[in-house]
N, C-alpha and C. Protein backbone atom coordinates (compact mmCIF):
# COMPACT_ATOMS: atom_id res chain seq x y z
N MET A 1 -11.06 -104.31 9.18
CA MET A 1 -10.56 -103.20 9.89
C MET A 1 -10.54 -101.66 9.59
N LEU A 2 -10.89 -101.95 7.45
CA LEU A 2 -11.41 -100.85 7.04
C LEU A 2 -12.39 -99.84 8.04
N PRO A 3 -13.82 -100.52 8.17
CA PRO A 3 -14.73 -100.21 8.61
C PRO A 3 -14.38 -99.62 10.31
N VAL A 4 -13.75 -100.36 10.90
CA VAL A 4 -13.64 -99.85 12.29
C VAL A 4 -12.87 -98.32 12.30
N ALA A 5 -11.92 -98.37 11.15
CA ALA A 5 -11.03 -97.03 11.28
C ALA A 5 -12.18 -96.22 10.65
N SER A 6 -12.85 -95.97 9.72
CA SER A 6 -13.51 -95.38 9.57
C SER A 6 -14.89 -94.94 10.60
N GLU A 7 -15.29 -95.40 10.94
CA GLU A 7 -15.94 -95.10 12.38
C GLU A 7 -15.32 -94.09 13.60
N ARG A 8 -13.79 -94.66 13.47
CA ARG A 8 -13.34 -93.28 14.36
C ARG A 8 -12.83 -92.31 13.67
N GLY A 9 -12.82 -92.23 12.66
CA GLY A 9 -12.25 -91.09 11.78
C GLY A 9 -13.58 -90.11 11.84
N ARG A 10 -14.98 -90.87 11.77
CA ARG A 10 -16.00 -89.78 12.15
C ARG A 10 -16.14 -89.52 13.45
N ALA A 11 -15.78 -90.24 14.13
CA ALA A 11 -15.89 -89.59 15.57
C ALA A 11 -15.09 -88.50 15.54
N ARG A 12 -14.08 -88.59 15.03
CA ARG A 12 -12.92 -87.31 15.55
C ARG A 12 -13.33 -86.65 14.40
N ASN A 13 -13.89 -86.09 13.50
CA ASN A 13 -14.66 -84.95 12.92
C ASN A 13 -15.46 -84.37 13.94
N VAL A 14 -16.42 -85.28 13.93
CA VAL A 14 -17.51 -84.89 14.75
C VAL A 14 -17.11 -83.81 16.02
N ARG A 15 -16.17 -84.41 16.78
CA ARG A 15 -15.70 -84.09 17.62
C ARG A 15 -14.79 -82.35 17.78
N GLY A 16 -14.18 -82.99 16.61
CA GLY A 16 -13.37 -81.21 16.02
C GLY A 16 -14.71 -80.66 15.63
N VAL A 17 -16.02 -80.98 15.01
CA VAL A 17 -16.62 -79.74 14.29
C VAL A 17 -17.31 -79.27 15.90
N ARG A 18 -17.69 -79.90 16.50
CA ARG A 18 -18.06 -79.12 18.13
C ARG A 18 -17.28 -78.57 18.80
N ARG A 19 -15.68 -78.69 18.80
CA ARG A 19 -14.68 -77.84 19.67
C ARG A 19 -14.82 -76.36 18.68
N VAL A 20 -14.51 -76.34 17.48
CA VAL A 20 -14.73 -75.31 16.85
C VAL A 20 -16.27 -74.42 17.09
N GLY A 21 -17.21 -74.57 17.07
CA GLY A 21 -18.68 -74.45 17.60
C GLY A 21 -18.29 -74.14 18.76
N GLN A 22 -17.75 -74.39 19.58
CA GLN A 22 -17.78 -73.76 20.77
C GLN A 22 -16.76 -72.25 21.40
N VAL A 23 -15.69 -72.72 20.09
CA VAL A 23 -15.07 -72.00 20.39
C VAL A 23 -15.61 -70.30 19.49
N MET A 24 -16.65 -70.56 18.52
CA MET A 24 -17.24 -69.71 17.92
C MET A 24 -17.90 -68.74 18.47
N LEU A 25 -19.04 -69.93 19.70
CA LEU A 25 -19.69 -69.45 20.10
C LEU A 25 -19.39 -68.36 21.48
N GLN A 26 -18.10 -68.91 22.21
CA GLN A 26 -17.59 -68.22 23.07
C GLN A 26 -16.99 -66.55 22.16
N ALA A 27 -16.45 -66.46 21.39
CA ALA A 27 -16.08 -65.16 20.62
C ALA A 27 -17.09 -64.49 20.16
N THR A 28 -18.17 -64.90 20.12
CA THR A 28 -18.87 -64.27 19.66
C THR A 28 -19.99 -63.74 20.82
N SER A 29 -19.92 -64.53 22.11
CA SER A 29 -20.82 -63.98 23.19
C SER A 29 -19.99 -63.26 24.24
N GLY A 30 -18.70 -63.25 23.89
CA GLY A 30 -17.96 -62.48 25.02
C GLY A 30 -17.09 -63.36 25.99
N ALA A 31 -17.25 -64.20 26.11
CA ALA A 31 -16.77 -65.31 26.88
C ALA A 31 -15.11 -65.60 26.74
N PRO A 32 -14.20 -65.60 28.06
CA PRO A 32 -12.99 -65.91 28.21
C PRO A 32 -12.60 -67.16 27.15
N ASP A 33 -11.73 -66.60 26.33
CA ASP A 33 -11.07 -68.32 25.98
C ASP A 33 -9.67 -68.33 25.91
N ALA A 34 -9.00 -69.31 26.18
CA ALA A 34 -7.82 -69.94 26.21
C ALA A 34 -6.89 -69.19 25.76
N LEU A 35 -7.33 -69.28 23.95
CA LEU A 35 -6.43 -68.94 22.99
C LEU A 35 -6.68 -67.41 22.93
N ALA A 36 -7.51 -66.82 23.57
CA ALA A 36 -7.44 -65.27 23.20
C ALA A 36 -6.33 -64.56 23.78
N THR A 37 -5.87 -63.65 23.43
CA THR A 37 -4.58 -62.48 23.34
C THR A 37 -5.09 -61.49 24.47
N PRO A 38 -4.00 -61.88 25.73
CA PRO A 38 -4.46 -60.70 27.04
C PRO A 38 -4.21 -59.36 26.05
N ALA A 39 -5.55 -58.30 26.56
CA ALA A 39 -5.03 -57.11 26.08
C ALA A 39 -4.45 -56.40 26.27
N ALA A 40 -3.55 -56.59 27.71
CA ALA A 40 -2.62 -56.37 27.93
C ALA A 40 -1.28 -56.10 27.58
N HIS A 41 -1.16 -56.81 26.07
CA HIS A 41 -0.11 -57.05 25.63
C HIS A 41 -0.15 -56.15 24.67
N PHE A 42 -1.01 -55.49 24.18
CA PHE A 42 -1.05 -53.96 23.10
C PHE A 42 -1.08 -52.57 24.36
N ALA A 43 -0.49 -51.82 23.46
CA ALA A 43 -0.85 -50.43 23.94
C ALA A 43 -1.93 -49.97 23.25
N PRO A 44 -2.77 -49.17 24.76
CA PRO A 44 -3.40 -47.93 24.44
C PRO A 44 -3.48 -47.05 22.61
N LEU A 45 -4.58 -47.06 22.17
CA LEU A 45 -4.36 -46.48 20.86
C LEU A 45 -5.10 -45.10 21.11
N ALA A 46 -4.25 -44.01 20.09
CA ALA A 46 -4.96 -42.73 20.19
C ALA A 46 -6.19 -42.63 19.46
N PRO A 47 -6.73 -41.73 20.33
CA PRO A 47 -8.17 -41.35 19.45
C PRO A 47 -8.24 -40.85 17.80
N ALA A 48 -9.03 -41.73 17.32
CA ALA A 48 -8.88 -41.57 15.46
C ALA A 48 -9.52 -39.79 15.67
N ARG A 49 -8.59 -39.25 14.42
CA ARG A 49 -9.12 -38.09 14.18
C ARG A 49 -10.34 -37.44 13.63
N PRO A 50 -11.31 -36.92 13.76
CA PRO A 50 -12.51 -37.14 13.07
C PRO A 50 -12.27 -36.77 11.49
N VAL A 51 -13.06 -37.13 10.62
CA VAL A 51 -12.82 -36.97 9.27
C VAL A 51 -14.15 -36.14 8.69
N PRO A 52 -13.87 -35.05 8.23
CA PRO A 52 -15.38 -34.06 7.83
C PRO A 52 -16.12 -35.13 6.82
N PRO A 53 -17.47 -34.78 6.92
CA PRO A 53 -18.38 -35.09 5.63
C PRO A 53 -17.80 -34.85 4.66
N PRO A 54 -18.16 -35.78 4.04
CA PRO A 54 -17.71 -35.77 2.16
C PRO A 54 -19.08 -34.98 1.81
N ARG A 55 -18.06 -33.72 0.63
CA ARG A 55 -18.92 -32.57 0.09
C ARG A 55 -20.34 -33.67 -0.92
N LYS A 56 -21.28 -32.67 -0.72
CA LYS A 56 -22.40 -32.74 -1.29
C LYS A 56 -22.13 -32.72 -3.08
N ALA A 57 -22.16 -33.94 -3.51
CA ALA A 57 -22.00 -34.20 -5.09
C ALA A 57 -23.28 -33.02 -5.85
N LEU A 58 -22.47 -32.26 -7.07
CA LEU A 58 -23.58 -31.27 -7.60
C LEU A 58 -24.56 -32.34 -8.76
N PRO A 59 -25.27 -32.38 -9.13
CA PRO A 59 -26.04 -32.71 -10.22
C PRO A 59 -25.53 -33.07 -11.37
N GLY A 60 -24.64 -34.45 -11.52
CA GLY A 60 -24.19 -35.11 -12.86
C GLY A 60 -22.63 -35.13 -12.79
N ARG A 61 -22.54 -35.08 -10.83
CA ARG A 61 -20.94 -35.08 -10.92
C ARG A 61 -20.93 -35.65 -9.59
N PRO A 62 -19.44 -36.64 -9.37
CA PRO A 62 -19.37 -37.53 -8.31
C PRO A 62 -18.93 -36.45 -7.51
N ALA A 63 -19.25 -37.03 -6.23
CA ALA A 63 -19.06 -36.50 -4.75
C ALA A 63 -17.73 -36.54 -4.76
N ARG A 64 -16.64 -35.33 -4.19
CA ARG A 64 -15.08 -35.75 -4.12
C ARG A 64 -15.16 -35.71 -2.65
N PRO A 65 -13.88 -36.12 -2.00
CA PRO A 65 -13.65 -36.42 -0.40
C PRO A 65 -13.25 -35.42 -0.13
N ALA A 66 -13.89 -35.26 1.03
CA ALA A 66 -13.95 -34.11 1.76
C ALA A 66 -11.92 -33.68 2.02
N ARG A 67 -11.10 -32.77 2.30
CA ARG A 67 -10.26 -32.48 2.48
C ARG A 67 -9.75 -32.34 3.95
N ARG A 68 -8.54 -32.85 4.58
CA ARG A 68 -8.19 -32.46 6.02
C ARG A 68 -8.04 -31.51 6.03
N PRO A 69 -7.85 -30.32 7.03
CA PRO A 69 -7.00 -28.93 7.18
C PRO A 69 -5.54 -29.85 7.28
N ARG A 70 -4.56 -28.88 6.84
CA ARG A 70 -3.56 -29.04 6.79
C ARG A 70 -2.68 -28.60 7.84
N ARG A 71 -1.99 -29.47 8.70
CA ARG A 71 -1.27 -28.76 9.79
C ARG A 71 -0.01 -28.02 9.51
N VAL A 72 0.39 -26.55 10.21
CA VAL A 72 1.13 -25.88 10.09
C VAL A 72 2.54 -26.97 11.04
N THR A 73 3.74 -26.82 10.32
CA THR A 73 4.88 -27.60 11.10
C THR A 73 5.23 -26.43 12.18
N ALA A 74 6.46 -27.08 12.81
CA ALA A 74 6.87 -25.94 13.87
C ALA A 74 7.72 -25.41 13.07
N LEU A 75 8.54 -25.84 11.63
CA LEU A 75 9.34 -25.52 11.21
C LEU A 75 9.20 -24.28 10.41
N ALA A 76 8.01 -24.27 9.72
CA ALA A 76 7.38 -22.83 8.98
C ALA A 76 6.68 -21.81 10.02
N ALA A 77 6.12 -22.17 11.33
CA ALA A 77 5.79 -21.07 11.82
C ALA A 77 7.07 -20.64 12.46
N GLY A 78 8.85 -21.23 12.75
CA GLY A 78 9.54 -20.39 13.19
C GLY A 78 10.22 -19.37 12.08
N PHE A 79 9.67 -20.05 10.92
CA PHE A 79 10.27 -19.40 9.34
C PHE A 79 9.44 -18.07 9.78
N LEU A 80 8.02 -17.83 9.80
CA LEU A 80 6.88 -16.66 10.02
C LEU A 80 7.67 -16.02 10.69
N LEU A 81 7.93 -16.92 11.70
CA LEU A 81 8.26 -15.51 12.99
C LEU A 81 9.32 -14.80 12.72
N ALA A 82 10.65 -15.64 11.83
CA ALA A 82 11.73 -14.87 11.58
C ALA A 82 11.09 -13.77 10.47
N LEU A 83 10.65 -14.09 9.37
CA LEU A 83 10.21 -12.83 8.83
C LEU A 83 9.72 -11.45 9.01
N VAL A 84 8.73 -12.18 10.11
CA VAL A 84 7.73 -11.01 11.09
C VAL A 84 9.35 -10.46 11.44
N GLY A 85 10.10 -10.61 12.75
CA GLY A 85 10.97 -10.22 13.02
C GLY A 85 12.00 -9.39 12.14
N LEU A 86 12.06 -9.57 10.97
CA LEU A 86 13.17 -8.96 9.82
C LEU A 86 12.48 -7.69 9.51
N GLY A 87 11.30 -8.05 9.06
CA GLY A 87 10.32 -6.73 8.86
C GLY A 87 10.42 -5.79 9.88
N THR A 88 10.11 -5.87 10.95
CA THR A 88 10.19 -5.17 12.03
C THR A 88 11.63 -4.48 12.44
N GLY A 89 12.59 -5.54 12.42
CA GLY A 89 13.65 -4.75 13.09
C GLY A 89 14.62 -3.95 12.02
N VAL A 90 14.51 -4.51 10.38
CA VAL A 90 15.19 -3.66 9.65
C VAL A 90 14.55 -2.84 8.93
N VAL A 91 13.52 -3.31 8.55
CA VAL A 91 12.60 -2.15 7.28
C VAL A 91 12.31 -0.76 7.66
N ALA A 92 11.83 -1.67 8.60
CA ALA A 92 10.88 -0.35 9.30
C ALA A 92 11.54 0.95 10.02
N PRO A 93 12.63 0.70 10.35
CA PRO A 93 13.83 2.12 11.02
C PRO A 93 14.05 2.73 9.78
N ALA A 94 14.30 2.21 8.46
CA ALA A 94 14.44 2.89 7.46
C ALA A 94 13.62 4.19 7.01
N ALA A 95 12.22 4.30 7.19
CA ALA A 95 11.74 4.95 6.69
C ALA A 95 11.81 6.62 8.01
N PRO A 96 11.70 6.52 9.18
CA PRO A 96 12.42 7.95 9.72
C PRO A 96 13.52 7.92 9.27
N ALA A 97 14.38 7.02 8.95
CA ALA A 97 15.90 7.92 8.63
C ALA A 97 15.28 8.93 7.35
N ARG A 98 14.77 8.18 6.38
CA ARG A 98 14.58 9.29 5.30
C ARG A 98 13.86 10.00 5.33
N ALA A 99 12.66 10.26 6.41
CA ALA A 99 11.78 11.33 6.67
C ALA A 99 12.51 12.30 7.31
N ALA A 100 13.56 12.34 8.35
CA ALA A 100 14.45 13.04 8.54
C ALA A 100 15.19 13.75 8.37
N ALA A 101 15.54 13.18 6.70
CA ALA A 101 16.65 13.62 6.26
C ALA A 101 15.79 14.91 5.33
N LEU A 102 14.67 14.61 4.80
CA LEU A 102 13.62 15.50 4.18
C LEU A 102 14.12 17.04 4.47
N PRO A 103 14.07 17.41 5.47
CA PRO A 103 14.17 18.76 6.16
C PRO A 103 15.45 19.05 5.73
N GLY A 104 16.63 18.52 5.75
CA GLY A 104 17.55 19.23 5.37
C GLY A 104 17.85 19.66 4.00
N LEU A 105 17.55 18.44 3.11
CA LEU A 105 17.57 18.71 1.87
C LEU A 105 16.99 19.80 1.05
N LYS A 106 15.87 20.11 2.01
CA LYS A 106 14.54 21.43 1.86
C LYS A 106 15.82 22.79 1.80
N GLU A 107 16.26 22.35 3.44
CA GLU A 107 16.92 23.77 3.47
C GLU A 107 18.26 23.60 2.48
N ALA A 108 18.56 22.87 1.85
CA ALA A 108 19.79 23.19 1.23
C ALA A 108 19.81 23.42 -0.09
N GLY A 109 18.11 23.05 -0.70
CA GLY A 109 17.53 23.63 -1.64
C GLY A 109 17.88 25.01 -1.70
N ARG A 110 16.97 25.29 -0.50
CA ARG A 110 16.73 27.20 -0.75
C ARG A 110 17.97 28.14 -0.14
N SER A 111 19.06 27.55 0.25
CA SER A 111 19.93 28.06 1.03
C SER A 111 20.46 29.14 0.14
N GLY A 112 20.23 29.17 -0.78
CA GLY A 112 20.86 30.17 -2.24
C GLY A 112 20.29 31.31 -2.63
N ASP A 113 18.97 31.23 -1.97
CA ASP A 113 17.92 32.36 -2.49
C ASP A 113 18.23 33.84 -2.33
N ARG A 114 18.70 34.53 -3.39
CA ARG A 114 19.13 35.64 -2.79
C ARG A 114 18.63 36.64 -4.36
N LEU A 115 18.26 37.44 -4.07
CA LEU A 115 17.63 38.42 -5.04
C LEU A 115 18.33 40.02 -5.31
N THR A 116 18.03 40.05 -6.55
CA THR A 116 18.37 42.02 -7.15
C THR A 116 17.31 42.55 -7.30
N VAL A 117 16.50 43.75 -6.61
CA VAL A 117 15.73 44.61 -7.28
C VAL A 117 16.05 45.78 -7.78
N ALA A 118 15.36 45.88 -9.00
CA ALA A 118 15.99 47.41 -9.10
C ALA A 118 14.71 47.97 -10.08
N VAL A 119 14.48 49.21 -9.30
CA VAL A 119 12.87 49.97 -9.58
C VAL A 119 13.38 51.16 -10.29
N ARG A 120 12.78 51.74 -11.51
CA ARG A 120 12.84 52.78 -12.20
C ARG A 120 11.91 53.75 -12.14
N ASP A 121 11.74 55.04 -12.06
CA ASP A 121 10.44 55.71 -12.74
C ASP A 121 9.05 55.44 -12.04
N ALA A 122 9.29 55.23 -10.43
CA ALA A 122 8.34 54.75 -10.00
C ALA A 122 7.95 55.84 -8.83
N GLY A 123 8.20 57.12 -9.35
CA GLY A 123 7.93 58.18 -8.50
C GLY A 123 8.54 58.72 -7.49
N GLY A 124 9.88 58.10 -7.58
CA GLY A 124 10.84 58.67 -6.84
C GLY A 124 12.28 58.62 -7.27
N PRO A 125 13.34 58.28 -6.52
CA PRO A 125 14.60 58.36 -7.07
C PRO A 125 14.98 56.43 -7.27
N ASP A 126 15.54 56.41 -8.42
CA ASP A 126 15.53 55.07 -8.77
C ASP A 126 16.58 54.30 -7.81
N ARG A 127 16.27 53.22 -7.40
CA ARG A 127 16.73 52.42 -6.69
C ARG A 127 16.90 50.78 -6.83
N THR A 128 18.17 50.31 -6.30
CA THR A 128 18.12 48.78 -6.42
C THR A 128 18.56 48.14 -5.06
N TYR A 129 17.67 47.20 -4.72
CA TYR A 129 17.41 46.56 -3.34
C TYR A 129 18.50 44.91 -3.37
N THR A 130 18.79 44.72 -2.52
CA THR A 130 19.14 43.14 -2.46
C THR A 130 17.94 42.24 -1.07
N LEU A 131 17.75 41.34 -1.83
CA LEU A 131 17.37 40.33 -0.89
C LEU A 131 17.19 39.37 -0.36
N VAL A 132 17.40 38.89 0.48
CA VAL A 132 18.13 37.35 1.04
C VAL A 132 16.95 36.71 2.08
N CYS A 133 16.83 35.39 1.74
CA CYS A 133 15.83 34.89 2.50
C CYS A 133 15.87 34.10 3.04
N ARG A 134 15.34 33.26 4.49
CA ARG A 134 16.17 32.32 5.33
C ARG A 134 17.60 32.31 5.81
N PRO A 135 17.69 33.22 6.54
CA PRO A 135 16.65 34.53 7.33
C PRO A 135 16.47 35.74 6.66
N ALA A 136 15.81 36.21 6.68
CA ALA A 136 15.23 37.70 6.10
C ALA A 136 16.65 38.41 5.97
N GLY A 137 17.32 39.32 5.58
CA GLY A 137 17.64 40.02 5.25
C GLY A 137 18.44 40.69 4.14
N GLY A 138 19.34 41.59 3.74
CA GLY A 138 19.80 42.75 2.87
C GLY A 138 19.46 44.03 3.18
N ASP A 139 19.47 44.54 1.85
CA ASP A 139 19.32 46.65 2.60
C ASP A 139 17.36 46.29 1.78
N HIS A 140 16.71 45.45 1.26
CA HIS A 140 15.46 45.39 1.09
C HIS A 140 14.89 46.31 2.27
N PRO A 141 14.09 47.58 2.26
CA PRO A 141 12.99 48.25 3.01
C PRO A 141 12.41 47.17 3.82
N ASP A 142 11.54 46.28 3.21
CA ASP A 142 10.64 45.49 3.76
C ASP A 142 11.21 43.82 3.37
N ALA A 143 12.03 43.28 4.47
CA ALA A 143 12.57 42.16 4.17
C ALA A 143 11.75 40.81 4.01
N GLU A 144 11.35 40.85 5.53
CA GLU A 144 10.78 40.23 6.17
C GLU A 144 9.08 39.67 5.20
N ARG A 145 8.41 41.19 5.03
CA ARG A 145 7.13 40.83 4.30
C ARG A 145 7.47 40.13 2.62
N ALA A 146 8.67 40.57 2.64
CA ALA A 146 8.96 40.38 0.87
C ALA A 146 9.45 38.79 0.77
N CYS A 147 9.74 38.35 1.81
CA CYS A 147 10.07 36.41 1.55
C CYS A 147 9.04 36.11 2.31
N ALA A 148 8.02 36.45 2.46
CA ALA A 148 6.88 35.76 3.31
C ALA A 148 5.90 35.65 1.63
N THR A 149 5.77 36.97 1.12
CA THR A 149 4.88 36.73 -0.19
C THR A 149 5.19 36.24 -1.22
N LEU A 150 7.00 35.93 -1.25
CA LEU A 150 7.30 35.02 -2.10
C LEU A 150 7.24 33.58 -1.95
N ASP A 151 7.43 33.21 -0.48
CA ASP A 151 6.74 31.99 -0.31
C ASP A 151 5.60 32.02 -0.81
N ARG A 152 4.55 32.52 -0.33
CA ARG A 152 3.15 32.07 -0.25
C ARG A 152 3.31 32.01 -1.33
N GLN A 153 3.89 32.53 -2.65
CA GLN A 153 2.99 32.06 -4.04
C GLN A 153 3.98 31.26 -4.86
N THR A 154 5.23 30.64 -4.16
CA THR A 154 6.13 29.52 -4.64
C THR A 154 4.94 28.46 -4.49
N ARG A 155 4.80 27.41 -6.04
CA ARG A 155 4.39 26.57 -5.77
C ARG A 155 5.69 25.24 -7.10
N TRP A 156 5.42 24.02 -6.33
CA TRP A 156 6.31 22.86 -7.03
C TRP A 156 5.88 23.38 -8.80
N GLY A 157 7.06 22.97 -9.52
CA GLY A 157 6.40 23.22 -11.04
C GLY A 157 6.14 24.38 -11.36
N LYS A 158 5.71 25.51 -11.07
CA LYS A 158 5.24 26.75 -11.13
C LYS A 158 6.29 27.85 -11.14
N ASP A 159 6.07 28.64 -12.02
CA ASP A 159 6.89 30.14 -11.94
C ASP A 159 6.78 31.52 -11.17
N THR A 160 7.04 31.56 -9.95
CA THR A 160 6.73 32.70 -9.15
C THR A 160 6.99 33.80 -10.22
N PHE A 161 7.86 34.09 -10.94
CA PHE A 161 8.24 35.21 -11.91
C PHE A 161 7.88 35.05 -13.45
N ALA A 162 7.01 34.37 -13.75
CA ALA A 162 6.64 34.33 -14.51
C ALA A 162 5.99 35.27 -15.12
N PRO A 163 5.98 35.70 -16.86
CA PRO A 163 5.86 36.85 -17.34
C PRO A 163 3.79 36.61 -18.10
N VAL A 164 3.46 37.61 -17.98
CA VAL A 164 2.15 37.63 -18.91
C VAL A 164 2.05 36.68 -19.99
N PRO A 165 0.96 35.92 -20.34
CA PRO A 165 0.69 35.32 -21.31
C PRO A 165 0.34 35.85 -22.54
N PRO A 166 1.02 35.93 -23.35
CA PRO A 166 1.03 37.13 -25.02
C PRO A 166 -0.42 36.87 -25.54
N ASP A 167 -1.17 36.23 -25.20
CA ASP A 167 -2.44 35.99 -25.88
C ASP A 167 -3.22 35.65 -24.96
N GLY A 168 -3.36 36.42 -23.82
CA GLY A 168 -4.49 36.65 -22.73
C GLY A 168 -4.72 38.03 -22.93
N PRO A 169 -6.36 38.02 -22.55
CA PRO A 169 -7.20 38.99 -22.76
C PRO A 169 -6.61 40.12 -21.42
N CYS A 170 -6.25 41.20 -21.50
CA CYS A 170 -5.92 42.34 -20.67
C CYS A 170 -6.63 43.73 -20.78
N THR A 171 -7.00 44.01 -19.34
CA THR A 171 -7.97 45.70 -19.90
C THR A 171 -7.16 46.73 -20.53
N MET A 172 -7.34 47.63 -20.92
CA MET A 172 -6.48 48.75 -21.59
C MET A 172 -6.24 49.59 -20.21
N GLN A 173 -5.75 49.23 -19.75
CA GLN A 173 -5.31 49.85 -18.03
C GLN A 173 -3.94 50.72 -18.28
N TYR A 174 -3.91 52.17 -17.87
CA TYR A 174 -2.06 52.27 -18.04
C TYR A 174 -1.77 52.56 -16.05
N GLY A 175 -1.02 52.36 -15.81
CA GLY A 175 -0.61 52.30 -14.25
C GLY A 175 0.60 53.24 -14.23
N GLY A 176 1.20 54.49 -15.08
CA GLY A 176 2.21 54.79 -14.71
C GLY A 176 3.34 54.12 -15.63
N PRO A 177 4.70 54.71 -15.73
CA PRO A 177 6.18 54.60 -16.31
C PRO A 177 6.79 53.87 -15.44
N ALA A 178 6.41 53.45 -14.55
CA ALA A 178 7.42 52.28 -13.46
C ALA A 178 7.58 51.28 -14.21
N THR A 179 8.95 51.03 -13.82
CA THR A 179 9.42 49.65 -14.51
C THR A 179 10.03 48.48 -13.39
N ALA A 180 10.41 47.66 -13.29
CA ALA A 180 11.32 46.64 -12.32
C ALA A 180 11.93 45.44 -13.01
N ARG A 181 12.84 45.35 -12.86
CA ARG A 181 13.68 43.87 -12.94
C ARG A 181 14.40 43.23 -11.81
N VAL A 182 14.34 42.05 -11.93
CA VAL A 182 14.28 41.16 -10.83
C VAL A 182 15.52 39.98 -11.42
N THR A 183 16.77 40.22 -10.45
CA THR A 183 17.42 38.97 -10.73
C THR A 183 18.15 38.27 -9.63
N GLY A 184 18.08 36.81 -9.84
CA GLY A 184 19.31 36.21 -8.68
C GLY A 184 19.13 34.57 -9.06
N THR A 185 18.88 34.49 -8.01
CA THR A 185 17.96 33.17 -7.56
C THR A 185 16.73 33.07 -6.39
N TRP A 186 15.75 32.05 -6.96
CA TRP A 186 14.78 31.68 -5.83
C TRP A 186 14.43 30.27 -6.09
N ALA A 187 14.05 29.63 -5.08
CA ALA A 187 14.06 28.16 -5.52
C ALA A 187 14.92 27.18 -6.08
N GLY A 188 16.46 27.72 -5.91
CA GLY A 188 17.10 26.85 -6.75
C GLY A 188 16.85 26.88 -8.52
N ARG A 189 16.15 27.86 -8.81
CA ARG A 189 16.30 28.41 -10.35
C ARG A 189 16.80 29.75 -10.06
N PRO A 190 17.12 29.72 -12.05
CA PRO A 190 17.80 31.59 -11.99
C PRO A 190 16.49 32.87 -12.02
N VAL A 191 16.71 33.60 -11.93
CA VAL A 191 15.58 34.58 -12.40
C VAL A 191 16.08 35.19 -12.67
N ASP A 192 15.44 36.18 -13.69
CA ASP A 192 15.72 37.37 -14.68
C ASP A 192 14.50 38.16 -15.37
N ALA A 193 13.36 38.47 -14.54
CA ALA A 193 12.55 39.04 -14.91
C ALA A 193 11.89 40.68 -15.08
N ARG A 194 11.05 41.08 -15.44
CA ARG A 194 10.69 42.14 -15.64
C ARG A 194 9.41 42.68 -15.26
N PHE A 195 9.01 44.12 -14.93
CA PHE A 195 7.73 44.28 -15.05
C PHE A 195 7.69 45.44 -15.45
N ASP A 196 6.25 45.98 -15.79
CA ASP A 196 6.23 47.68 -15.84
C ASP A 196 4.17 47.26 -15.86
N ARG A 197 3.91 48.49 -15.79
CA ARG A 197 2.11 48.82 -15.84
C ARG A 197 1.99 48.91 -16.76
N SER A 198 1.76 48.54 -17.80
CA SER A 198 1.52 49.18 -19.26
C SER A 198 -0.23 48.47 -19.56
N ASN A 199 -0.48 47.76 -18.50
CA ASN A 199 -1.95 47.17 -18.84
C ASN A 199 -2.28 46.37 -17.82
N GLY A 200 -3.66 46.06 -17.35
CA GLY A 200 -4.10 45.51 -16.26
C GLY A 200 -3.13 44.07 -16.17
N CYS A 201 -3.15 43.05 -17.09
CA CYS A 201 -2.57 42.24 -16.62
C CYS A 201 -0.88 42.33 -15.76
N GLU A 202 -0.36 43.84 -16.33
CA GLU A 202 1.01 43.73 -16.10
C GLU A 202 0.81 44.79 -14.66
N ILE A 203 -0.27 45.01 -14.56
CA ILE A 203 -0.37 45.60 -12.77
C ILE A 203 -0.90 44.93 -12.29
N ALA A 204 -1.54 43.96 -12.42
CA ALA A 204 -1.80 42.53 -11.21
C ALA A 204 -0.62 41.68 -11.23
N ARG A 205 0.03 41.61 -12.10
CA ARG A 205 1.00 41.25 -11.97
C ARG A 205 2.30 41.69 -10.94
N TRP A 206 2.45 43.02 -11.14
CA TRP A 206 2.89 43.86 -10.07
C TRP A 206 2.50 43.99 -8.48
N ASP A 207 1.51 43.93 -8.45
CA ASP A 207 0.75 44.41 -7.34
C ASP A 207 0.63 43.11 -6.97
N GLY A 208 0.81 41.88 -6.82
CA GLY A 208 0.92 40.04 -6.54
C GLY A 208 2.54 40.15 -5.86
N LEU A 209 3.61 41.11 -6.21
CA LEU A 209 4.30 41.02 -5.63
C LEU A 209 5.20 41.66 -4.59
N VAL A 210 4.47 42.57 -4.65
CA VAL A 210 3.96 43.71 -3.20
C VAL A 210 4.44 42.55 -2.17
N PRO A 211 4.95 43.33 -0.91
CA PRO A 211 5.88 44.68 -1.07
C PRO A 211 7.74 44.19 -1.92
N LEU A 212 7.81 42.96 -2.60
CA LEU A 212 9.16 43.12 -2.96
C LEU A 212 9.29 43.96 -4.20
N LEU A 213 8.02 44.45 -4.72
CA LEU A 213 8.11 45.42 -5.52
C LEU A 213 7.56 46.99 -5.04
N PRO A 214 7.26 47.97 -4.99
CA PRO A 214 6.96 49.53 -4.39
C PRO A 214 5.50 49.26 -4.64
N ASP A 215 4.85 49.70 -3.52
CA ASP A 215 3.21 49.42 -3.97
C ASP A 215 3.16 50.87 -4.33
N LEU A 216 2.22 50.88 -5.74
CA LEU A 216 1.69 52.20 -6.20
C LEU A 216 0.52 52.17 -6.56
N ARG A 217 0.05 51.51 -5.69
CA ARG A 217 -1.84 51.44 -5.54
C ARG A 217 -2.05 52.68 -5.07
N ALA A 218 -3.32 53.36 -5.50
CA ALA A 218 -3.82 54.83 -4.63
C ALA A 218 -3.73 54.46 -3.54
N GLY A 219 -3.06 55.38 -2.66
CA GLY A 219 -3.00 55.00 -1.12
C GLY A 219 -2.54 54.15 -0.22
N GLY A 220 -1.41 53.31 -1.62
CA GLY A 220 -0.28 52.42 -1.12
C GLY A 220 0.72 53.31 -0.30
N ARG A 221 2.03 52.02 0.16
CA ARG A 221 2.87 52.95 1.10
C ARG A 221 4.14 52.85 -0.25
N ARG A 222 4.54 53.68 -0.93
CA ARG A 222 5.52 53.34 -1.34
C ARG A 222 7.02 53.12 -0.76
N SER A 223 8.12 52.40 -1.38
CA SER A 223 9.34 52.15 -1.15
C SER A 223 10.26 52.85 -1.93
């Protein structure tokens, strides 16, 4: 009985090997098979995202894998839009408000400009004038031109009525015995300046403030 059983077992093994061979042949050739899973049981897959090629390796260094571009999420985009809206809606209007306030500050700083000019020995009777600017006024004989002259010579950080430097070179020129004193407030600063015509520098300083001071040049109009 043992030989008969062995013959039957070998026959079954041969048939099993043949069946496996047929299944493998059908799978490689594309033929339908009863054990194959239907394609309808699976959902269609999305196309794969292309991957950039790897970077070229430098001599002596291994190549690094290419980095995929980062995707900006909807939350990040909304945050950026909120920042842009904040900058255009809150910060921008502050600049015009500041610019609009500058003229008011400037006018407030110049509203107290008032000068008193006392002239002596200028070839006529000694006189004292009062000058007010913005608007021009007072009893000065040429208030508008005097204010315009002072405005042209007023510079930030510079004293309009500064004296002549004591060590500066001046010509030995005499312009007469006339003297003047200007007191008051100009450009928010107190003023107490004295003028004469004792040399070339003092004469030029006097002539630079005409018509605030009387014009004593040859052919000039005297106030």
